[in-house]
Protein backbone atom coordinates (compact mmCIF):
# COMPACT_ATOMS: atom_id res chain seq x y z
CA UNK A 1 -46.96 5.18 132.12
CA UNK A 2 -50.73 5.64 132.11
CA UNK A 3 -52.54 4.12 129.14
CA UNK A 4 -55.47 6.12 127.81
CA UNK A 5 -58.51 4.11 126.76
CA UNK A 6 -61.07 5.78 124.62
CA UNK A 7 -64.73 4.78 124.72
CA UNK A 8 -66.18 3.04 121.69
CA UNK A 9 -68.76 5.77 121.13
CA UNK A 10 -66.04 8.26 120.18
CA UNK A 11 -65.02 8.10 116.57
CA UNK A 12 -61.44 7.70 115.48
CA UNK A 13 -61.24 11.28 114.19
CA UNK A 14 -62.50 12.75 117.48
CA UNK A 15 -60.11 10.57 119.37
CA UNK A 16 -57.24 11.83 117.28
CA UNK A 17 -58.25 15.49 117.79
CA UNK A 18 -58.81 15.14 121.55
CA UNK A 19 -55.68 13.26 122.42
CA UNK A 20 -53.39 15.03 124.93
CA UNK A 21 -50.80 17.39 123.60
CA UNK A 22 -47.25 16.13 123.84
CA UNK A 23 -44.58 18.55 124.93
CA UNK A 24 -41.01 17.59 124.02
CA UNK A 25 -38.89 17.47 127.10
CA UNK A 26 -35.21 17.49 127.81
CA UNK A 27 -33.18 16.13 130.66
CA UNK A 28 -32.74 18.42 133.68
CA UNK A 29 -29.67 20.62 133.83
CA UNK A 30 -28.10 18.35 136.45
CA UNK A 31 -27.79 15.60 133.85
CA UNK A 32 -25.24 17.61 131.91
CA UNK A 33 -22.88 17.75 134.90
CA UNK A 34 -22.97 14.07 135.90
CA UNK A 35 -19.64 12.23 135.61
CA UNK A 36 -19.26 10.04 132.59
CA UNK A 37 -19.62 6.40 133.63
CA UNK A 38 -18.00 3.64 131.61
CA UNK A 39 -20.38 1.25 129.91
CA UNK A 40 -21.05 -1.98 131.82
CA UNK A 41 -18.95 -4.90 130.79
CA UNK A 42 -20.80 -7.91 129.60
CA UNK A 43 -19.36 -11.39 129.30
CA UNK A 44 -18.69 -12.57 125.79
CA UNK A 45 -21.54 -14.54 124.27
CA UNK A 46 -21.27 -18.29 124.35
CA UNK A 47 -21.17 -19.92 120.99
CA UNK A 48 -23.67 -22.75 120.70
CA UNK A 49 -22.14 -26.15 120.34
CA UNK A 50 -23.50 -29.21 118.58
CA UNK A 51 -25.12 -30.47 121.77
CA UNK A 52 -26.15 -27.17 123.38
CA UNK A 53 -29.75 -26.07 122.81
CA UNK A 54 -30.47 -22.93 120.76
CA UNK A 55 -31.38 -20.07 123.14
CA UNK A 56 -34.78 -18.52 122.62
CA UNK A 57 -34.75 -14.70 122.47
CA UNK A 58 -36.58 -13.23 125.39
CA UNK A 59 -36.16 -9.53 124.56
CA UNK A 60 -39.32 -7.55 124.15
CA UNK A 61 -39.77 -4.07 122.80
CA UNK A 62 -40.54 -1.47 125.50
CA UNK A 63 -43.99 0.04 125.40
CA UNK A 64 -44.27 3.22 123.37
CA UNK A 65 -44.91 6.49 125.20
CA UNK A 66 -47.04 7.83 122.35
CA UNK A 67 -50.81 7.21 122.20
CA UNK A 68 -52.02 4.77 119.58
CA UNK A 69 -52.66 6.12 116.10
CA UNK A 70 -56.01 5.46 114.58
CA UNK A 71 -56.14 4.89 110.84
CA UNK A 72 -53.38 4.77 108.26
CA UNK A 73 -54.32 7.93 106.32
CA UNK A 74 -54.14 10.30 109.26
CA UNK A 75 -53.27 13.85 108.24
CA UNK A 76 -49.78 14.88 109.27
CA UNK A 77 -49.30 17.99 111.29
CA UNK A 78 -46.34 20.12 112.33
CA UNK A 79 -45.60 22.02 115.50
CA UNK A 80 -44.01 25.45 115.71
CA UNK A 81 -41.55 25.94 118.52
CA UNK A 82 -40.53 29.10 120.27
CA UNK A 83 -37.19 29.30 122.00
CA UNK A 84 -37.35 29.86 125.72
CA UNK A 85 -35.36 32.76 127.15
CA UNK A 86 -34.56 33.62 130.75
CA UNK A 87 -37.90 35.36 131.30
CA UNK A 88 -39.98 32.43 130.10
CA UNK A 89 -41.46 30.53 133.08
CA UNK A 90 -40.26 26.97 133.39
CA UNK A 91 -42.22 23.96 134.43
CA UNK A 92 -40.26 22.29 137.24
CA UNK A 93 -41.94 18.96 136.62
CA UNK A 94 -41.20 18.89 132.90
CA UNK A 95 -38.21 21.08 132.07
CA UNK A 96 -38.18 21.92 128.37
CA UNK A 97 -36.17 24.12 126.10
CA UNK A 98 -39.10 24.95 123.83
CA UNK A 99 -42.71 25.85 124.26
CA UNK A 100 -45.27 24.71 121.76
CA UNK A 101 -46.61 27.63 119.73
CA UNK A 102 -49.89 26.60 118.16
CA UNK A 103 -51.18 28.47 115.14
CA UNK A 104 -51.19 28.52 111.37
CA UNK A 105 -48.19 29.15 109.19
CA UNK A 106 -47.91 32.65 107.73
CA UNK A 107 -47.85 32.83 103.96
CA UNK A 108 -44.72 34.32 102.47
CA UNK A 109 -45.30 37.40 100.31
CA UNK A 110 -44.49 36.74 96.66
CA UNK A 111 -44.60 39.95 94.56
CA UNK A 112 -44.94 37.99 91.33
CA UNK A 113 -48.19 36.44 92.51
CA UNK A 114 -49.72 39.07 94.81
CA UNK A 115 -48.83 42.27 92.89
CA UNK A 116 -51.23 43.68 90.34
CA UNK A 117 -49.36 44.08 87.08
CA UNK A 118 -49.84 46.64 84.33
CA UNK A 119 -48.23 48.16 81.23
CA UNK A 120 -45.50 50.80 81.65
CA UNK A 121 -44.20 53.47 79.24
CA UNK A 122 -47.25 53.25 76.98
CA UNK A 123 -46.57 56.70 75.52
CA UNK A 124 -42.97 55.78 74.61
CA UNK A 125 -44.18 52.58 72.96
CA UNK A 126 -46.70 54.57 70.90
CA UNK A 127 -44.03 57.06 69.77
CA UNK A 128 -41.67 54.23 68.86
CA UNK A 129 -44.35 52.63 66.68
CA UNK A 130 -44.99 55.95 64.91
CA UNK A 131 -41.26 56.39 64.32
CA UNK A 132 -40.96 52.89 62.87
CA UNK A 133 -43.91 53.41 60.55
CA UNK A 134 -42.52 56.78 59.37
CA UNK A 135 -39.14 55.23 58.71
CA UNK A 136 -40.77 52.51 56.60
CA UNK A 137 -42.69 55.12 54.57
CA UNK A 138 -39.51 57.12 53.87
CA UNK A 139 -37.67 53.95 52.83
CA UNK A 140 -40.47 52.99 50.45
CA UNK A 141 -40.52 56.45 48.83
CA UNK A 142 -36.74 56.42 48.40
CA UNK A 143 -36.82 52.94 46.89
CA UNK A 144 -39.61 53.74 44.41
CA UNK A 145 -38.73 57.28 43.28
CA UNK A 146 -35.12 57.67 44.43
CA UNK A 147 -31.87 57.17 42.57
CA UNK A 148 -29.49 54.71 44.20
CA UNK A 149 -26.69 55.41 41.70
CA UNK A 150 -26.39 58.93 43.12
CA UNK A 151 -25.22 57.42 46.41
CA UNK A 152 -23.06 54.69 44.90
CA UNK A 153 -21.29 56.35 41.94
CA UNK A 154 -18.96 59.37 42.38
CA UNK A 155 -19.75 62.66 40.62
CA UNK A 156 -17.33 65.03 38.89
CA UNK A 157 -17.37 68.84 38.84
CA UNK A 158 -19.90 68.92 35.97
CA UNK A 159 -22.32 66.65 37.86
CA UNK A 160 -21.66 63.59 35.72
CA UNK A 161 -21.48 60.17 37.37
CA UNK A 162 -18.25 58.27 36.90
CA UNK A 163 -18.92 54.81 35.47
CA UNK A 164 -22.46 55.73 34.42
CA UNK A 165 -24.27 57.05 31.42
CA UNK A 166 -27.37 59.11 30.68
CA UNK A 167 -28.68 58.85 27.15
CA UNK A 168 -27.05 61.26 24.73
CA UNK A 169 -25.82 63.59 27.50
CA UNK A 170 -22.72 61.63 28.44
CA UNK A 171 -21.29 58.13 28.57
CA UNK A 172 -18.60 57.57 31.20
CA UNK A 173 -18.85 53.82 31.61
CA UNK A 174 -15.15 53.51 30.75
CA UNK A 175 -14.18 56.09 33.43
CA UNK A 176 -15.16 54.61 36.80
CA UNK A 177 -12.68 56.56 38.99
CA UNK A 178 -12.79 60.14 40.28
CA UNK A 179 -9.59 62.21 40.34
CA UNK A 180 -9.05 65.32 42.54
CA UNK A 181 -6.70 67.98 41.20
CA UNK A 182 -5.48 69.19 44.63
CA UNK A 183 -6.21 66.98 47.64
CA UNK A 184 -4.78 69.55 50.07
CA UNK A 185 -7.87 71.73 49.59
CA UNK A 186 -10.04 68.90 50.93
CA UNK A 187 -8.44 69.26 54.37
CA UNK A 188 -10.84 71.93 55.62
CA UNK A 189 -14.00 72.23 57.72
CA UNK A 190 -15.83 73.60 54.66
CA UNK A 191 -15.54 70.18 53.00
CA UNK A 192 -18.31 68.84 55.24
CA UNK A 193 -20.65 71.64 54.10
CA UNK A 194 -19.88 72.27 50.42
CA UNK A 195 -17.59 69.43 49.43
CA UNK A 196 -13.96 69.52 48.38
CA UNK A 197 -13.29 72.88 46.66
CA UNK A 198 -11.03 71.57 43.89
CA UNK A 199 -11.76 70.46 40.30
CA UNK A 200 -12.74 66.80 39.95
CA UNK A 201 -12.84 64.68 36.82
CA UNK A 202 -13.62 61.07 35.91
CA UNK A 203 -10.61 59.04 34.73
CA UNK A 204 -10.09 55.56 33.37
CA UNK A 205 -7.07 54.85 35.61
CA UNK A 206 -5.42 56.41 38.63
CA UNK A 207 -1.94 58.03 38.41
CA UNK A 208 0.94 55.56 38.64
CA UNK A 209 3.79 58.01 39.40
CA UNK A 210 4.62 61.30 41.11
CA UNK A 211 4.72 64.21 38.66
CA UNK A 212 4.74 68.04 38.71
CA UNK A 213 4.22 70.31 35.72
CA UNK A 214 7.32 72.27 36.80
CA UNK A 215 9.42 69.37 35.51
CA UNK A 216 8.55 70.52 31.96
CA UNK A 217 10.09 73.93 32.62
CA UNK A 218 13.58 72.73 31.73
CA UNK A 219 14.83 74.14 28.39
CA UNK A 220 16.61 70.88 27.58
CA UNK A 221 13.33 69.05 26.92
CA UNK A 222 12.57 68.73 23.23
CA UNK A 223 9.20 69.50 21.76
CA UNK A 224 8.35 65.85 21.08
CA UNK A 225 9.20 64.75 24.62
CA UNK A 226 7.18 67.69 25.94
CA UNK A 227 4.06 66.62 24.05
CA UNK A 228 4.40 62.93 25.04
CA UNK A 229 4.81 63.88 28.71
CA UNK A 230 1.75 66.13 28.60
CA UNK A 231 -0.37 63.43 26.99
CA UNK A 232 0.72 60.70 29.47
CA UNK A 233 1.20 62.54 32.77
CA UNK A 234 -0.90 65.72 32.78
CA UNK A 235 -4.61 65.50 33.77
CA UNK A 236 -6.89 68.17 32.30
CA UNK A 237 -10.61 68.71 32.03
CA UNK A 238 -12.50 67.49 28.95
CA UNK A 239 -12.85 71.02 27.64
CA UNK A 240 -9.07 71.25 27.23
CA UNK A 241 -7.46 69.67 24.19
CA UNK A 242 -4.06 68.50 25.43
CA UNK A 243 -2.71 68.21 21.89
CA UNK A 244 -2.76 72.02 21.67
CA UNK A 245 -0.40 72.39 24.66
CA UNK A 246 2.95 72.85 22.91
CA UNK A 247 4.83 75.05 25.40
CA UNK A 248 5.28 75.45 29.11
CA UNK A 249 3.61 78.89 29.05
CA UNK A 250 0.37 77.41 27.70
CA UNK A 251 0.45 74.63 30.31
CA UNK A 252 1.05 77.12 33.13
CA UNK A 253 -1.94 79.21 32.03
CA UNK A 254 -4.21 76.14 32.15
CA UNK A 255 -2.89 75.24 35.59
CA UNK A 256 -3.61 78.76 36.88
CA UNK A 257 -7.14 78.54 35.49
CA UNK A 258 -7.59 75.20 37.36
CA UNK A 259 -8.26 73.38 34.11
CA UNK A 260 -5.22 71.13 34.46
CA UNK A 261 -3.71 69.49 37.52
CA UNK A 262 -0.45 70.94 38.79
CA UNK A 263 0.83 67.62 40.12
CA UNK A 264 -0.11 63.95 40.39
CA UNK A 265 0.41 61.47 43.23
CA UNK A 266 0.85 57.75 42.79
CA UNK A 267 -2.35 56.16 44.01
CA UNK A 268 -4.61 53.16 43.60
CA UNK A 269 -8.42 52.81 43.46
CA UNK A 270 -9.95 53.18 46.93
CA UNK A 271 -6.91 54.88 48.51
């Protein structure tokens, strides 16, 4: 192999840049079809005895085929290779599978770094801020000048709040529950618009049994039992004095005027 000697006037950097380009080579195609030869057999090594001299190693490293490197901080470089196809001309002296493709590496496009960013949906963001501010203003007005008890406490037919009081107008703190005379009239689409179209009154306790005013129609009921049943089981508005109901005819007239409930259903608060 020919050894290249560089003159002393050339600097180490110029020598590194001007050194010949090395092309990786491969064995010729005939080498792939040669028969496999067994490795040569070597005699076993002789173990040194007490009287035999120690052999001196005479093996030397083969000379390197690469040119000498100048300096320890030499910049590393990489080579790009291009695969050779059938149309690529081959060098008969140095057959190679790859040709050296000099040039710089292409930068990969990164949209996060090379794309100009900007705000999107600015109009929607502005409308959302206006909506949030308006909602806060409405909440503040309702908290300062509104009446939370109107949403929490139920209201009877006369507009009085069950469980509440208002000066000398009414005091229903001992009547926290609302009773509907006829719940079947609440099963209608008009309930969502105008409410349940049946008389409603505030009561101290919910009914505990099933009762119908027709049960008092029997002639076998005495007058005293009739009055006790009316006072304990019949629900009437405050304008009706239940102690004056002494006969079934009077009770039926109040029921027809929707001043007394025609029946009661066993229920509990919240059901």
